């Protein structure tokens, strides 16, 4: 073999290798899988605000007060006070309502357990214990005070004994002028009070017998007793005829 033939064979081999390589690359390129599209960008959430642990929260302002407030119930007085009997009131019920012993309620008003209560009658509620009222009266007459009259029949002393039979009226409210007031026994016997004033926390005594009136003692002028019969009821009415107080002879 000469060099010329050898060169031709080498050239042929090189050409065949190049062609083969190109064919292989062409086939591989045709069968290569398509490239995946670029991923869409993921939406980013705004960063969560970080709280400063040293920061102090702002004080919450209270709501502005309204002009209208619900009325609060009136509290029970801390001491004895006058009470006007309402429809349905009983001594036992009042004892429970105002949390006072029934015995104190009876003693403060000189009442028996079966005493009759009348609507409009004024009695003493001895909150904090029984109380006694000192009979202090002045000879001067003050200016009349307007307002409800809280006069009670505290006691009938010595019923049936003409020289000693006396009704004791106690004023547990404001100053009251008794002119035109009446006291009756329910059977037609009636006493009309003259122009006399009873001060607050004071008493006036009405004697059945005859005598001379003073600012603290009045005299009916009767020749016979009026309160000797057990169960007799004394009715005290103001100048307009309104029942103010009652008392039943025990």
C-alpha atoms as a PDB file:
ATOM      1  CA  UNK A   1       0.000   0.000   0.000  1.00  0.00           C
ATOM      2  CA  UNK A   2       1.427   3.369  -0.885  1.00  0.00           C
ATOM      3  CA  UNK A   3       1.031   6.616   0.978  1.00  0.00           C
ATOM      4  CA  UNK A   4      -1.502   8.034  -1.377  1.00  0.00           C
ATOM      5  CA  UNK A   5      -3.955   5.222  -0.810  1.00  0.00           C
ATOM      6  CA  UNK A   6      -3.402   5.480   2.932  1.00  0.00           C
ATOM      7  CA  UNK A   7      -4.204   9.171   2.904  1.00  0.00           C
ATOM      8  CA  UNK A   8      -7.403   8.582   0.970  1.00  0.00           C
ATOM      9  CA  UNK A   9      -8.567   5.979   3.483  1.00  0.00           C
ATOM     10  CA  UNK A  10      -7.835   8.264   6.478  1.00  0.00           C
ATOM     11  CA  UNK A  11      -9.749  11.091   4.803  1.00  0.00           C
ATOM     12  CA  UNK A  12     -12.683   8.774   4.134  1.00  0.00           C
ATOM     13  CA  UNK A  13     -12.702   7.615   7.786  1.00  0.00           C
ATOM     14  CA  UNK A  14     -12.642  11.183   9.011  1.00  0.00           C
ATOM     15  CA  UNK A  15     -15.523  12.134   6.742  1.00  0.00           C
ATOM     16  CA  UNK A  16     -17.561   9.114   7.851  1.00  0.00           C
ATOM     17  CA  UNK A  17     -16.933   9.994  11.546  1.00  0.00           C
ATOM     18  CA  UNK A  18     -17.999  13.592  11.007  1.00  0.00           C
ATOM     19  CA  UNK A  19     -21.147  12.588   9.185  1.00  0.00           C
ATOM     20  CA  UNK A  20     -21.984   9.987  11.827  1.00  0.00           C
ATOM     21  CA  UNK A  21     -21.475  12.516  14.588  1.00  0.00           C
ATOM     22  CA  UNK A  22     -23.716  15.067  12.861  1.00  0.00           C
ATOM     23  CA  UNK A  23     -26.459  12.499  12.304  1.00  0.00           C
ATOM     24  CA  UNK A  24     -26.342  11.406  15.968  1.00  0.00           C
ATOM     25  CA  UNK A  25     -26.496  15.014  17.158  1.00  0.00           C
ATOM     26  CA  UNK A  26     -29.414  15.765  14.832  1.00  0.00           C
ATOM     27  CA  UNK A  27     -31.374  12.753  16.074  1.00  0.00           C
ATOM     28  CA  UNK A  28     -30.663  13.632  19.754  1.00  0.00           C
ATOM     29  CA  UNK A  29     -31.699  17.252  19.222  1.00  0.00           C
ATOM     30  CA  UNK A  30     -34.963  16.183  17.561  1.00  0.00           C
ATOM     31  CA  UNK A  31     -35.854  13.826  20.460  1.00  0.00           C
ATOM     32  CA  UNK A  32     -34.805  16.114  23.361  1.00  0.00           C
ATOM     33  CA  UNK A  33     -37.828  17.030  25.672  1.00  0.00           C
ATOM     34  CA  UNK A  34     -39.064  20.615  25.559  1.00  0.00           C
ATOM     35  CA  UNK A  35     -37.724  22.826  28.333  1.00  0.00           C
ATOM     36  CA  UNK A  36     -40.224  23.615  31.133  1.00  0.00           C
ATOM     37  CA  UNK A  37     -41.484  27.197  31.088  1.00  0.00           C
ATOM     38  CA  UNK A  38     -40.099  29.517  33.660  1.00  0.00           C
ATOM     39  CA  UNK A  39     -42.080  29.374  36.960  1.00  0.00           C
ATOM     40  CA  UNK A  40     -44.496  32.227  37.584  1.00  0.00           C
ATOM     41  CA  UNK A  41     -43.409  34.473  40.436  1.00  0.00           C
ATOM     42  CA  UNK A  42     -45.102  33.694  43.767  1.00  0.00           C
ATOM     43  CA  UNK A  43     -47.026  36.578  45.284  1.00  0.00           C
ATOM     44  CA  UNK A  44     -45.341  37.894  48.383  1.00  0.00           C
ATOM     45  CA  UNK A  45     -47.473  38.647  51.519  1.00  0.00           C
ATOM     46  CA  UNK A  46     -46.776  41.856  53.377  1.00  0.00           C
ATOM     47  CA  UNK A  47     -44.590  41.287  56.409  1.00  0.00           C
ATOM     48  CA  UNK A  48     -46.376  40.816  59.735  1.00  0.00           C
ATOM     49  CA  UNK A  49     -45.840  43.877  61.903  1.00  0.00           C
ATOM     50  CA  UNK A  50     -43.767  43.150  64.962  1.00  0.00           C
ATOM     51  CA  UNK A  51     -45.013  44.400  68.338  1.00  0.00           C
ATOM     52  CA  UNK A  52     -42.621  46.188  70.580  1.00  0.00           C
ATOM     53  CA  UNK A  53     -42.759  44.317  73.919  1.00  0.00           C
ATOM     54  CA  UNK A  54     -41.668  47.503  75.728  1.00  0.00           C
ATOM     55  CA  UNK A  55     -44.431  49.655  74.228  1.00  0.00           C
ATOM     56  CA  UNK A  56     -47.390  50.464  76.540  1.00  0.00           C
ATOM     57  CA  UNK A  57     -50.913  50.111  75.094  1.00  0.00           C
ATOM     58  CA  UNK A  58     -52.902  53.293  74.750  1.00  0.00           C
ATOM     59  CA  UNK A  59     -55.471  53.807  77.506  1.00  0.00           C
ATOM     60  CA  UNK A  60     -59.033  53.214  76.381  1.00  0.00           C
ATOM     61  CA  UNK A  61     -61.191  56.241  77.011  1.00  0.00           C
ATOM     62  CA  UNK A  62     -64.434  55.453  78.920  1.00  0.00           C
ATOM     63  CA  UNK A  63     -67.660  56.319  77.143  1.00  0.00           C
ATOM     64  CA  UNK A  64     -68.937  59.795  77.790  1.00  0.00           C
ATOM     65  CA  UNK A  65     -71.626  59.845  80.496  1.00  0.00           C
ATOM     66  CA  UNK A  66     -75.154  60.290  79.306  1.00  0.00           C
ATOM     67  CA  UNK A  67     -77.364  63.066  80.553  1.00  0.00           C
ATOM     68  CA  UNK A  68     -80.077  60.693  81.710  1.00  0.00           C
ATOM     69  CA  UNK A  69     -79.304  58.334  84.559  1.00  0.00           C
ATOM     70  CA  UNK A  70     -81.632  55.663  85.900  1.00  0.00           C
ATOM     71  CA  UNK A  71     -83.051  56.747  89.256  1.00  0.00           C
ATOM     72  CA  UNK A  72     -81.721  54.795  92.184  1.00  0.00           C
ATOM     73  CA  UNK A  73     -84.070  53.476  94.719  1.00  0.00           C
ATOM     74  CA  UNK A  74     -84.413  55.472  97.890  1.00  0.00           C
ATOM     75  CA  UNK A  75     -82.518  53.779 100.729  1.00  0.00           C
ATOM     76  CA  UNK A  76     -84.228  52.993 104.025  1.00  0.00           C
ATOM     77  CA  UNK A  77     -83.408  55.718 106.594  1.00  0.00           C
ATOM     78  CA  UNK A  78     -80.848  54.786 109.212  1.00  0.00           C
ATOM     79  CA  UNK A  79     -83.096  55.857 112.099  1.00  0.00           C
ATOM     80  CA  UNK A  80     -86.781  55.970 113.071  1.00  0.00           C
ATOM     81  CA  UNK A  81     -89.024  57.628 110.493  1.00  0.00           C
ATOM     82  CA  UNK A  82     -92.696  58.217 109.794  1.00  0.00           C
ATOM     83  CA  UNK A  83     -94.515  55.960 107.331  1.00  0.00           C
ATOM     84  CA  UNK A  84     -97.951  56.449 105.757  1.00  0.00           C
ATOM     85  CA  UNK A  85     -99.995  53.242 105.611  1.00  0.00           C
ATOM     86  CA  UNK A  86    -100.710  52.049 102.064  1.00  0.00           C
ATOM     87  CA  UNK A  87    -103.366  49.657 100.808  1.00  0.00           C
ATOM     88  CA  UNK A  88    -102.444  46.089 101.802  1.00  0.00           C
ATOM     89  CA  UNK A  89     -99.997  47.030 104.566  1.00  0.00           C
ATOM     90  CA  UNK A  90     -99.968  44.882 107.705  1.00  0.00           C
ATOM     91  CA  UNK A  91     -97.886  45.111 110.867  1.00  0.00           C
ATOM     92  CA  UNK A  92     -96.162  41.824 110.065  1.00  0.00           C
ATOM     93  CA  UNK A  93     -95.500  42.900 106.476  1.00  0.00           C
ATOM     94  CA  UNK A  94     -94.028  46.229 107.577  1.00  0.00           C
ATOM     95  CA  UNK A  95     -91.826  44.406 110.083  1.00  0.00           C
ATOM     96  CA  UNK A  96     -90.372  42.290 107.266  1.00  0.00           C
ATOM     97  CA  UNK A  97     -90.231  45.138 104.728  1.00  0.00           C
ATOM     98  CA  UNK A  98     -88.172  47.436 106.945  1.00  0.00           C
ATOM     99  CA  UNK A  99     -86.348  44.666 108.854  1.00  0.00           C
ATOM    100  CA  UNK A 100     -87.502  45.773 112.306  1.00  0.00           C
ATOM    101  CA  UNK A 101     -88.712  43.448 115.075  1.00  0.00           C
ATOM    102  CA  UNK A 102     -92.489  43.319 115.313  1.00  0.00           C
ATOM    103  CA  UNK A 103     -92.256  43.979 119.058  1.00  0.00           C
ATOM    104  CA  UNK A 104     -90.357  47.240 118.402  1.00  0.00           C
ATOM    105  CA  UNK A 105     -92.907  48.283 115.773  1.00  0.00           C
ATOM    106  CA  UNK A 106     -95.780  47.676 118.199  1.00  0.00           C
ATOM    107  CA  UNK A 107     -94.007  49.397 121.100  1.00  0.00           C
ATOM    108  CA  UNK A 108     -93.060  52.481 119.044  1.00  0.00           C
ATOM    109  CA  UNK A 109     -96.712  53.003 118.103  1.00  0.00           C
ATOM    110  CA  UNK A 110     -98.411  51.578 121.210  1.00  0.00           C
ATOM    111  CA  UNK A 111    -100.256  49.075 119.038  1.00  0.00           C
ATOM    112  CA  UNK A 112    -101.527  45.574 119.720  1.00  0.00           C
ATOM    113  CA  UNK A 113    -100.800  42.763 117.260  1.00  0.00           C
ATOM    114  CA  UNK A 114    -104.436  42.861 116.074  1.00  0.00           C
ATOM    115  CA  UNK A 115    -104.510  46.658 115.715  1.00  0.00           C
ATOM    116  CA  UNK A 116    -106.438  48.068 112.767  1.00  0.00           C
ATOM    117  CA  UNK A 117    -104.330  49.916 110.181  1.00  0.00           C
ATOM    118  CA  UNK A 118    -106.058  52.473 107.968  1.00  0.00           C
ATOM    119  CA  UNK A 119    -104.866  53.718 104.573  1.00  0.00           C
ATOM    120  CA  UNK A 120    -103.340  57.162 105.102  1.00  0.00           C
ATOM    121  CA  UNK A 121    -102.570  56.497 108.760  1.00  0.00           C
ATOM    122  CA  UNK A 122     -99.085  57.571 109.848  1.00  0.00           C
ATOM    123  CA  UNK A 123     -96.999  55.312 112.088  1.00  0.00           C
ATOM    124  CA  UNK A 124     -93.401  55.296 113.278  1.00  0.00           C
ATOM    125  CA  UNK A 125     -90.975  52.755 111.798  1.00  0.00           C
ATOM    126  CA  UNK A 126     -88.331  52.266 114.544  1.00  0.00           C
ATOM    127  CA  UNK A 127     -85.337  51.486 112.322  1.00  0.00           C
ATOM    128  CA  UNK A 128     -82.336  51.028 114.585  1.00  0.00           C
ATOM    129  CA  UNK A 129     -84.477  50.341 117.656  1.00  0.00           C
ATOM    130  CA  UNK A 130     -87.360  51.911 119.520  1.00  0.00           C
ATOM    131  CA  UNK A 131     -87.209  55.605 120.217  1.00  0.00           C
ATOM    132  CA  UNK A 132     -88.962  57.835 122.696  1.00  0.00           C
ATOM    133  CA  UNK A 133     -89.963  61.405 121.939  1.00  0.00           C
ATOM    134  CA  UNK A 134     -89.518  63.995 124.671  1.00  0.00           C
ATOM    135  CA  UNK A 135     -92.554  66.252 125.255  1.00  0.00           C
ATOM    136  CA  UNK A 136     -90.953  69.645 124.693  1.00  0.00           C
ATOM    137  CA  UNK A 137     -93.231  72.448 123.563  1.00  0.00           C
ATOM    138  CA  UNK A 138     -92.741  76.173 123.315  1.00  0.00           C
ATOM    139  CA  UNK A 139     -95.359  78.800 124.037  1.00  0.00           C
ATOM    140  CA  UNK A 140     -94.465  80.692 120.847  1.00  0.00           C
ATOM    141  CA  UNK A 141     -96.113  79.796 117.578  1.00  0.00           C
ATOM    142  CA  UNK A 142     -93.683  79.291 114.638  1.00  0.00           C
ATOM    143  CA  UNK A 143     -94.515  79.787 111.009  1.00  0.00           C
ATOM    144  CA  UNK A 144     -96.440  76.792 109.721  1.00  0.00           C
ATOM    145  CA  UNK A 145     -94.357  74.382 107.641  1.00  0.00           C
ATOM    146  CA  UNK A 146     -95.865  72.885 104.520  1.00  0.00           C
ATOM    147  CA  UNK A 147     -95.534  69.182 103.829  1.00  0.00           C
ATOM    148  CA  UNK A 148     -97.084  65.910 105.012  1.00  0.00           C
ATOM    149  CA  UNK A 149     -98.201  65.790 108.655  1.00  0.00           C
ATOM    150  CA  UNK A 150     -96.685  62.929 110.648  1.00  0.00           C
ATOM    151  CA  UNK A 151     -98.697  63.018 113.859  1.00  0.00           C
ATOM    152  CA  UNK A 152     -99.450  59.730 115.598  1.00  0.00           C
ATOM    153  CA  UNK A 153    -101.605  58.692 118.554  1.00  0.00           C
ATOM    154  CA  UNK A 154     -98.869  57.352 120.797  1.00  0.00           C
ATOM    155  CA  UNK A 155    -100.971  56.254 123.748  1.00  0.00           C
ATOM    156  CA  UNK A 156    -104.254  56.509 125.614  1.00  0.00           C
ATOM    157  CA  UNK A 157    -103.376  56.810 129.298  1.00  0.00           C
ATOM    158  CA  UNK A 158    -105.676  55.451 132.042  1.00  0.00           C
ATOM    159  CA  UNK A 159    -108.690  54.655 129.828  1.00  0.00           C
ATOM    160  CA  UNK A 160    -111.880  54.613 131.912  1.00  0.00           C
ATOM    161  CA  UNK A 161    -110.564  56.938 134.627  1.00  0.00           C
ATOM    162  CA  UNK A 162    -112.036  60.402 133.968  1.00  0.00           C
ATOM    163  CA  UNK A 163    -109.488  62.450 135.930  1.00  0.00           C
ATOM    164  CA  UNK A 164    -106.534  60.666 134.274  1.00  0.00           C
ATOM    165  CA  UNK A 165    -107.838  59.585 130.852  1.00  0.00           C
ATOM    166  CA  UNK A 166    -105.549  61.277 128.301  1.00  0.00           C
ATOM    167  CA  UNK A 167    -104.706  60.846 124.618  1.00  0.00           C
ATOM    168  CA  UNK A 168    -101.046  61.533 123.793  1.00  0.00           C
ATOM    169  CA  UNK A 169    -100.295  62.857 120.281  1.00  0.00           C
ATOM    170  CA  UNK A 170     -96.696  62.772 119.044  1.00  0.00           C
ATOM    171  CA  UNK A 171     -95.356  64.729 116.068  1.00  0.00           C
ATOM    172  CA  UNK A 172     -92.683  62.701 114.276  1.00  0.00           C
ATOM    173  CA  UNK A 173     -92.560  65.047 111.286  1.00  0.00           C
ATOM    174  CA  UNK A 174     -92.415  68.792 110.712  1.00  0.00           C
ATOM    175  CA  UNK A 175     -94.088  71.573 112.685  1.00  0.00           C
ATOM    176  CA  UNK A 176     -97.877  71.302 112.350  1.00  0.00           C
ATOM    177  CA  UNK A 177    -100.717  73.628 113.314  1.00  0.00           C
ATOM    178  CA  UNK A 178    -103.661  71.513 114.537  1.00  0.00           C
ATOM    179  CA  UNK A 179    -106.391  74.140 114.101  1.00  0.00           C
ATOM    180  CA  UNK A 180    -109.488  72.430 112.719  1.00  0.00           C
ATOM    181  CA  UNK A 181    -108.174  68.877 113.261  1.00  0.00           C
ATOM    182  CA  UNK A 182    -110.590  66.447 114.915  1.00  0.00           C
ATOM    183  CA  UNK A 183    -110.414  63.443 117.200  1.00  0.00           C
ATOM    184  CA  UNK A 184    -113.407  61.109 117.376  1.00  0.00           C
ATOM    185  CA  UNK A 185    -114.356  57.709 118.773  1.00  0.00           C
ATOM    186  CA  UNK A 186    -116.429  56.588 115.786  1.00  0.00           C
ATOM    187  CA  UNK A 187    -119.741  56.876 117.667  1.00  0.00           C
ATOM    188  CA  UNK A 188    -120.432  60.592 117.218  1.00  0.00           C
ATOM    189  CA  UNK A 189    -118.201  61.980 119.970  1.00  0.00           C
ATOM    190  CA  UNK A 190    -115.782  64.453 118.407  1.00  0.00           C
ATOM    191  CA  UNK A 191    -113.205  66.941 119.642  1.00  0.00           C
ATOM    192  CA  UNK A 192    -112.059  69.820 117.403  1.00  0.00           C
ATOM    193  CA  UNK A 193    -108.579  71.183 118.063  1.00  0.00           C
ATOM    194  CA  UNK A 194    -108.108  74.921 118.608  1.00  0.00           C
ATOM    195  CA  UNK A 195    -105.359  77.033 117.058  1.00  0.00           C
ATOM    196  CA  UNK A 196    -102.420  75.172 118.610  1.00  0.00           C
ATOM    197  CA  UNK A 197     -99.052  74.207 117.152  1.00  0.00           C
ATOM    198  CA  UNK A 198     -97.172  70.961 117.768  1.00  0.00           C
ATOM    199  CA  UNK A 199     -93.434  71.147 117.175  1.00  0.00           C
ATOM    200  CA  UNK A 200     -91.290  68.447 115.596  1.00  0.00           C
ATOM    201  CA  UNK A 201     -90.389  65.662 118.073  1.00  0.00           C
ATOM    202  CA  UNK A 202     -92.880  66.972 120.616  1.00  0.00           C
ATOM    203  CA  UNK A 203     -96.206  65.913 122.125  1.00  0.00           C
ATOM    204  CA  UNK A 204     -99.636  67.342 122.950  1.00  0.00           C
ATOM    205  CA  UNK A 205    -101.864  65.730 125.574  1.00  0.00           C
ATOM    206  CA  UNK A 206    -105.639  65.802 125.198  1.00  0.00           C
ATOM    207  CA  UNK A 207    -107.404  65.217 128.547  1.00  0.00           C
ATOM    208  CA  UNK A 208    -110.977  63.952 128.513  1.00  0.00           C
ATOM    209  CA  UNK A 209    -111.996  66.007 131.553  1.00  0.00           C
ATOM    210  CA  UNK A 210    -112.477  69.785 131.774  1.00  0.00           C
ATOM    211  CA  UNK A 211    -109.543  72.111 132.364  1.00  0.00           C
ATOM    212  CA  UNK A 212    -107.619  75.111 131.085  1.00  0.00           C
ATOM    213  CA  UNK A 213    -105.754  74.704 127.817  1.00  0.00           C
ATOM    214  CA  UNK A 214    -101.988  75.249 127.612  1.00  0.00           C
ATOM    215  CA  UNK A 215     -99.605  74.851 124.638  1.00  0.00           C
ATOM    216  CA  UNK A 216     -98.929  71.242 125.694  1.00  0.00           C
ATOM    217  CA  UNK A 217    -102.198  70.190 127.429  1.00  0.00           C
ATOM    218  CA  UNK A 218    -105.706  70.452 125.992  1.00  0.00           C
ATOM    219  CA  UNK A 219    -109.007  69.619 127.697  1.00  0.00           C
ATOM    220  CA  UNK A 220    -112.088  68.117 126.047  1.00  0.00           C
ATOM    221  CA  UNK A 221    -114.490  69.114 128.834  1.00  0.00           C
ATOM    222  CA  UNK A 222    -116.358  65.778 129.019  1.00  0.00           C
ATOM    223  CA  UNK A 223    -118.186  64.570 132.108  1.00  0.00           C
ATOM    224  CA  UNK A 224    -117.721  60.891 131.230  1.00  0.00           C
ATOM    225  CA  UNK A 225    -114.813  58.833 129.926  1.00  0.00           C
ATOM    226  CA  UNK A 226    -114.583  58.218 126.188  1.00  0.00           C
ATOM    227  CA  UNK A 227    -111.956  55.442 125.953  1.00  0.00           C
ATOM    228  CA  UNK A 228    -113.006  52.954 128.643  1.00  0.00           C
ATOM    229  CA  UNK A 229    -114.289  50.241 126.294  1.00  0.00           C
ATOM    230  CA  UNK A 230    -111.741  47.748 124.974  1.00  0.00           C
ATOM    231  CA  UNK A 231    -111.598  47.810 121.166  1.00  0.00           C
ATOM    232  CA  UNK A 232    -112.731  51.428 120.859  1.00  0.00           C
ATOM    233  CA  UNK A 233    -110.817  53.141 118.040  1.00  0.00           C
ATOM    234  CA  UNK A 234    -109.637  56.759 118.179  1.00  0.00           C
ATOM    235  CA  UNK A 235    -109.582  58.496 114.776  1.00  0.00           C
ATOM    236  CA  UNK A 236    -107.380  61.548 114.183  1.00  0.00           C
ATOM    237  CA  UNK A 237    -108.185  63.595 111.064  1.00  0.00           C
ATOM    238  CA  UNK A 238    -106.669  66.781 109.688  1.00  0.00           C
ATOM    239  CA  UNK A 239    -108.604  69.971 108.903  1.00  0.00           C
ATOM    240  CA  UNK A 240    -109.582  68.582 105.483  1.00  0.00           C
ATOM    241  CA  UNK A 241    -111.009  65.424 107.024  1.00  0.00           C
ATOM    242  CA  UNK A 242    -108.143  63.167 105.906  1.00  0.00           C
ATOM    243  CA  UNK A 243    -107.449  60.301 108.307  1.00  0.00           C
ATOM    244  CA  UNK A 244    -103.994  60.808 109.810  1.00  0.00           C
ATOM    245  CA  UNK A 245    -103.793  58.224 112.600  1.00  0.00           C
ATOM    246  CA  UNK A 246    -105.799  55.665 114.550  1.00  0.00           C
ATOM    247  CA  UNK A 247    -105.410  53.945 117.885  1.00  0.00           C
ATOM    248  CA  UNK A 248    -107.365  50.978 119.271  1.00  0.00           C
ATOM    249  CA  UNK A 249    -107.926  50.739 123.003  1.00  0.00           C
ATOM    250  CA  UNK A 250    -106.308  47.450 124.139  1.00  0.00           C
END
